[in-house]
Amino acid sequence: MTATLTHIVRHPLKAIGREVCERVNLTAGQWMPGDRIWAVTHGKSRIEGPGWAPKVNFLRGVSGPSLMAATAHLSEDGASLTLNHPEAGPLTLHPDNPDDTPRLLHWLGGIWPEDLPPPTGLYRTDAAHLTDVPDPWLSIHNAATHRAVEQRLDTPLSIHRWRGNLWIEGLAPWQEFEWIGKTIRIGAVAFTIRERITRCKATMANPETGRRDADTLAALRSWDHQDFGVYAEVLSDGAIATGDPVEVPQ
């Protein structure tokens, strides 16, 4: 079976909203465009200077599972972001306009736990995207590995629990873990696979409801680890699109 790129997903606002794309233009050594550009700070954030900051400084699904139910749409020019949530409803804002920040914080007030430090502001840095690691990587996931987790839990799961960027069909389960340090090609773009991704309780939340309903971590630990997906570095400029063939190491 030929391996194929089946899904491209970006998350403009870290931990809050996902957007499915058909095509994306990638640049060597850079993050995925439109992914984790902004993040929401909270009352205990401690960000030292401009640049990338650790995830502990931002709102995350591991603490507020309801955030996982949000969807997003980033405008073509990147200036406007529309969020939607089954409980909070829709919100359109211009994240780089400080006048819109109070509207976002008010919107989040309805879905962020009251007993946690409250949302306080929006953070962005031109030096980096606010992914969980400081390196300019994106994430790649294997649909067969996802199905293996579904089978272990005996329940269907949305792929959006994993908040990944690229999804590949046509592999054996866990095959992606064999690629560390190797190069794959999606369409005309080459990637080096850097490391496995260790998971947290955010993946236990249903991205349709925002409620924890599946012990994904216990399922992963049944394979003696807590990893799902791999980080990859873009090696060459180019566009990729759903349906592109994927060349993997033999």
Protein backbone atom coordinates (compact mmCIF):
# COMPACT_ATOMS: atom_id res chain seq x y z
CA MET A 1 0.00 0.00 0.00
CA THR A 2 1.32 3.43 -0.93
CA ALA A 3 1.67 5.88 1.95
CA THR A 4 -0.31 9.10 1.51
CA LEU A 5 -0.70 12.41 3.30
CA THR A 6 -4.35 12.48 4.41
CA HIS A 7 -4.68 15.47 6.77
CA ILE A 8 -2.98 18.82 7.35
CA VAL A 9 -3.95 20.59 10.57
CA ARG A 10 -2.77 23.83 12.14
CA HIS A 11 -3.53 25.43 15.51
CA PRO A 12 -3.12 29.23 15.24
CA LEU A 13 -3.80 29.84 18.95
CA LYS A 14 -1.89 27.34 21.09
CA ALA A 15 -4.21 24.77 22.72
CA ILE A 16 -7.33 26.62 21.58
CA GLY A 17 -8.78 25.70 18.20
CA ARG A 18 -7.78 23.55 15.24
CA GLU A 19 -8.07 24.20 11.52
CA VAL A 20 -7.95 21.56 8.79
CA CYS A 21 -6.13 22.69 5.62
CA GLU A 22 -5.84 21.17 2.16
CA ARG A 23 -2.45 22.66 1.30
CA VAL A 24 0.43 24.46 2.99
CA ASN A 25 3.67 26.08 1.81
CA LEU A 26 6.65 25.00 3.90
CA THR A 27 10.07 26.61 4.30
CA ALA A 28 13.25 24.76 5.22
CA GLY A 29 14.14 25.13 8.89
CA GLN A 30 10.85 26.84 9.76
CA TRP A 31 7.68 26.01 11.62
CA MET A 32 4.43 25.18 9.88
CA PRO A 33 2.83 28.45 8.72
CA GLY A 34 -0.08 29.53 10.89
CA ASP A 35 0.62 27.01 13.65
CA ARG A 36 0.89 28.11 17.31
CA ILE A 37 1.48 31.75 16.42
CA TRP A 38 -0.20 33.04 19.59
CA ALA A 39 -0.71 31.66 23.10
CA VAL A 40 -2.77 32.82 26.07
CA THR A 41 -0.90 33.68 29.27
CA HIS A 42 -2.33 33.16 32.76
CA GLY A 43 -1.94 34.55 36.25
CA LYS A 44 1.18 32.53 37.04
CA SER A 45 3.00 33.02 33.71
CA ARG A 46 6.67 33.92 34.02
CA ILE A 47 8.03 34.80 30.59
CA GLU A 48 11.58 36.15 30.58
CA GLY A 49 12.16 38.39 27.61
CA PRO A 50 11.10 38.01 23.99
CA GLY A 51 11.24 34.69 22.20
CA TRP A 52 9.98 31.16 22.70
CA ALA A 53 8.62 30.35 26.16
CA PRO A 54 7.85 26.99 27.83
CA LYS A 55 4.29 25.67 27.61
CA VAL A 56 3.76 25.98 31.38
CA ASN A 57 3.28 29.72 30.80
CA PHE A 58 0.17 29.25 28.66
CA LEU A 59 -3.36 27.90 28.79
CA ARG A 60 -3.33 24.21 27.79
CA GLY A 61 -5.73 21.34 27.36
CA VAL A 62 -3.94 19.33 30.04
CA SER A 63 -5.33 21.77 32.63
CA GLY A 64 -8.51 22.91 30.88
CA PRO A 65 -9.86 20.02 28.78
CA SER A 66 -12.77 22.12 27.56
CA LEU A 67 -10.31 24.07 25.39
CA MET A 68 -9.90 20.94 23.26
CA ALA A 69 -13.38 21.39 21.76
CA ALA A 70 -12.54 24.67 20.03
CA THR A 71 -12.10 25.02 16.28
CA ALA A 72 -10.37 27.86 14.46
CA HIS A 73 -10.10 29.66 11.16
CA LEU A 74 -7.21 31.97 10.35
CA SER A 75 -7.85 34.52 7.62
CA GLU A 76 -5.77 34.36 4.46
CA ASP A 77 -3.79 37.45 5.46
CA GLY A 78 -3.25 36.07 8.98
CA ALA A 79 -4.76 39.13 10.64
CA SER A 80 -8.12 37.74 11.73
CA LEU A 81 -8.84 34.62 13.77
CA THR A 82 -12.28 33.05 14.25
CA LEU A 83 -12.76 30.62 17.13
CA ASN A 84 -15.81 28.47 17.79
CA HIS A 85 -16.71 26.34 20.77
CA PRO A 86 -19.84 24.28 21.54
CA GLU A 87 -20.31 26.12 24.85
CA ALA A 88 -18.71 29.54 24.33
CA GLY A 89 -19.96 30.02 20.75
CA PRO A 90 -18.12 31.93 18.00
CA LEU A 91 -15.60 34.75 18.38
CA THR A 92 -13.75 36.67 15.68
CA LEU A 93 -10.82 38.84 16.70
CA HIS A 94 -7.60 40.40 15.49
CA PRO A 95 -5.05 38.82 17.86
CA ASP A 96 -2.36 41.43 17.20
CA ASN A 97 -4.75 44.24 18.14
CA PRO A 98 -4.54 44.77 21.94
CA ASP A 99 -8.08 46.16 21.92
CA ASP A 100 -9.38 42.68 21.07
CA THR A 101 -7.61 40.89 23.92
CA PRO A 102 -10.31 41.63 26.56
CA ARG A 103 -12.92 40.08 24.26
CA LEU A 104 -10.88 36.88 24.02
CA LEU A 105 -10.34 36.74 27.79
CA HIS A 106 -14.06 37.17 28.38
CA TRP A 107 -14.82 34.40 25.88
CA LEU A 108 -12.34 32.09 27.60
CA GLY A 109 -13.89 32.83 30.99
CA GLY A 110 -16.79 30.56 30.11
CA ILE A 111 -14.67 27.50 29.39
CA TRP A 112 -11.52 27.86 31.54
CA PRO A 113 -11.68 26.29 35.04
CA GLU A 114 -12.47 28.86 37.73
CA ASP A 115 -10.06 27.28 40.21
CA LEU A 116 -7.02 27.81 37.98
CA PRO A 117 -5.00 31.01 37.38
CA PRO A 118 -7.15 33.12 35.04
CA PRO A 119 -6.26 34.03 31.45
CA THR A 120 -4.39 37.33 31.41
CA GLY A 121 -3.26 38.14 27.87
CA LEU A 122 -1.99 37.12 24.46
CA TYR A 123 1.65 36.38 23.74
CA ARG A 124 3.40 36.37 20.38
CA THR A 125 7.03 36.48 19.33
CA ASP A 126 8.38 37.01 15.85
CA ALA A 127 11.39 34.84 16.73
CA ALA A 128 9.52 31.54 17.07
CA HIS A 129 6.22 29.71 17.04
CA LEU A 130 4.90 28.63 20.42
CA THR A 131 5.09 24.87 19.96
CA ASP A 132 5.89 22.63 22.94
CA VAL A 133 9.58 22.50 21.97
CA PRO A 134 11.73 25.51 20.98
CA ASP A 135 13.00 23.85 17.81
CA PRO A 136 11.40 24.77 14.43
CA TRP A 137 9.66 21.42 14.00
CA LEU A 138 6.20 20.17 13.09
CA SER A 139 4.51 16.92 14.08
CA ILE A 140 3.79 13.88 11.93
CA HIS A 141 1.33 11.13 12.86
CA ASN A 142 0.53 7.64 11.65
CA ALA A 143 -3.15 6.77 11.11
CA ALA A 144 -2.44 3.08 11.76
CA THR A 145 -0.93 3.91 15.16
CA HIS A 146 -4.06 5.91 15.97
CA ARG A 147 -6.20 2.90 15.09
CA ALA A 148 -4.03 0.71 17.32
CA VAL A 149 -4.86 3.01 20.25
CA GLU A 150 -8.55 2.89 19.32
CA GLN A 151 -8.44 -0.90 19.33
CA ARG A 152 -6.64 -1.01 22.68
CA LEU A 153 -9.37 1.20 24.19
CA ASP A 154 -12.16 -0.46 22.19
CA THR A 155 -13.62 2.91 21.23
CA PRO A 156 -13.45 5.30 18.26
CA LEU A 157 -11.24 8.36 18.78
CA SER A 158 -10.89 11.61 16.85
CA ILE A 159 -7.44 12.23 15.41
CA HIS A 160 -7.72 15.76 16.79
CA ARG A 161 -7.03 14.50 20.32
CA TRP A 162 -3.35 14.46 19.33
CA ARG A 163 -3.31 18.04 17.94
CA GLY A 164 -0.93 16.95 15.18
CA ASN A 165 0.06 18.71 11.97
CA LEU A 166 0.44 15.98 9.34
CA TRP A 167 -1.26 12.58 9.13
CA ILE A 168 -0.07 9.67 6.99
CA GLU A 169 -2.09 6.65 5.86
CA GLY A 170 -0.59 3.43 4.53
CA LEU A 171 1.96 2.56 7.22
CA ALA A 172 2.27 -0.20 9.78
CA PRO A 173 1.43 0.73 13.38
CA TRP A 174 4.33 2.45 15.15
CA GLN A 175 6.42 2.45 11.96
CA GLU A 176 7.10 6.16 12.44
CA PHE A 177 9.24 5.41 15.51
CA GLU A 178 11.72 3.65 13.23
CA TRP A 179 12.39 6.88 11.34
CA ILE A 180 14.27 8.83 14.04
CA GLY A 181 17.31 10.43 12.39
CA LYS A 182 16.11 9.46 8.91
CA THR A 183 14.60 11.43 6.03
CA ILE A 184 11.13 11.06 4.55
CA ARG A 185 9.57 12.92 1.64
CA ILE A 186 6.00 14.18 1.34
CA GLY A 187 5.33 15.30 -2.20
CA ALA A 188 8.37 17.39 -3.14
CA VAL A 189 9.32 18.31 0.45
CA ALA A 190 11.92 16.45 2.52
CA PHE A 191 11.80 16.10 6.32
CA THR A 192 14.23 14.75 8.90
CA ILE A 193 12.51 12.92 11.75
CA ARG A 194 13.95 14.23 15.00
CA GLU A 195 12.30 12.57 18.02
CA ARG A 196 9.21 10.93 19.45
CA ILE A 197 6.49 13.01 21.11
CA THR A 198 5.63 12.22 24.73
CA ARG A 199 1.96 12.79 25.55
CA CYS A 200 -0.01 14.33 28.43
CA LYS A 201 -3.59 14.25 29.74
CA ALA A 202 -4.77 16.71 27.08
CA THR A 203 -5.21 13.72 24.76
CA MET A 204 -7.77 12.23 27.15
CA ALA A 205 -10.27 14.96 26.24
CA ASN A 206 -12.82 14.48 23.48
CA PRO A 207 -12.25 17.29 20.92
CA GLU A 208 -15.98 17.39 20.19
CA THR A 209 -17.14 17.85 23.79
CA GLY A 210 -14.06 19.03 25.70
CA ARG A 211 -14.59 16.32 28.33
CA ARG A 212 -12.15 13.59 29.31
CA ASP A 213 -13.62 10.28 28.20
CA ALA A 214 -10.74 7.99 27.13
CA ASP A 215 -7.57 6.99 28.99
CA THR A 216 -5.20 7.43 26.09
CA LEU A 217 -2.19 7.51 28.41
CA ALA A 218 -3.00 4.09 29.87
CA ALA A 219 -3.36 2.77 26.33
CA LEU A 220 0.06 4.13 25.37
CA ARG A 221 1.65 2.77 28.54
CA SER A 222 0.43 -0.69 27.57
CA TRP A 223 3.19 -0.48 24.94
CA ASP A 224 5.69 0.54 27.66
CA HIS A 225 5.88 4.20 26.71
CA GLN A 226 3.75 7.34 26.61
CA ASP A 227 4.62 8.49 23.07
CA PHE A 228 2.52 9.19 20.01
CA GLY A 229 3.75 10.83 16.81
CA VAL A 230 7.14 12.25 15.88
CA TYR A 231 8.66 15.69 15.46
CA ALA A 232 10.10 16.51 12.03
CA GLU A 233 12.28 19.28 10.63
CA VAL A 234 11.53 20.67 7.17
CA LEU A 235 14.60 20.28 4.95
CA SER A 236 13.43 21.86 1.69
CA ASP A 237 11.04 24.57 0.54
CA GLY A 238 7.84 23.55 -1.17
CA ALA A 239 4.09 23.02 -0.98
CA ILE A 240 2.41 19.87 0.30
CA ALA A 241 -1.24 18.95 -0.10
CA THR A 242 -3.55 16.20 1.05
CA GLY A 243 -3.26 13.25 -1.31
CA ASP A 244 0.48 13.70 -1.80
CA PRO A 245 2.52 10.48 -1.86
CA VAL A 246 4.85 9.81 1.05
CA GLU A 247 8.27 8.19 0.59
CA VAL A 248 9.49 6.54 3.78
CA PRO A 249 12.78 4.84 4.75
CA GLN A 250 12.97 1.15 3.91
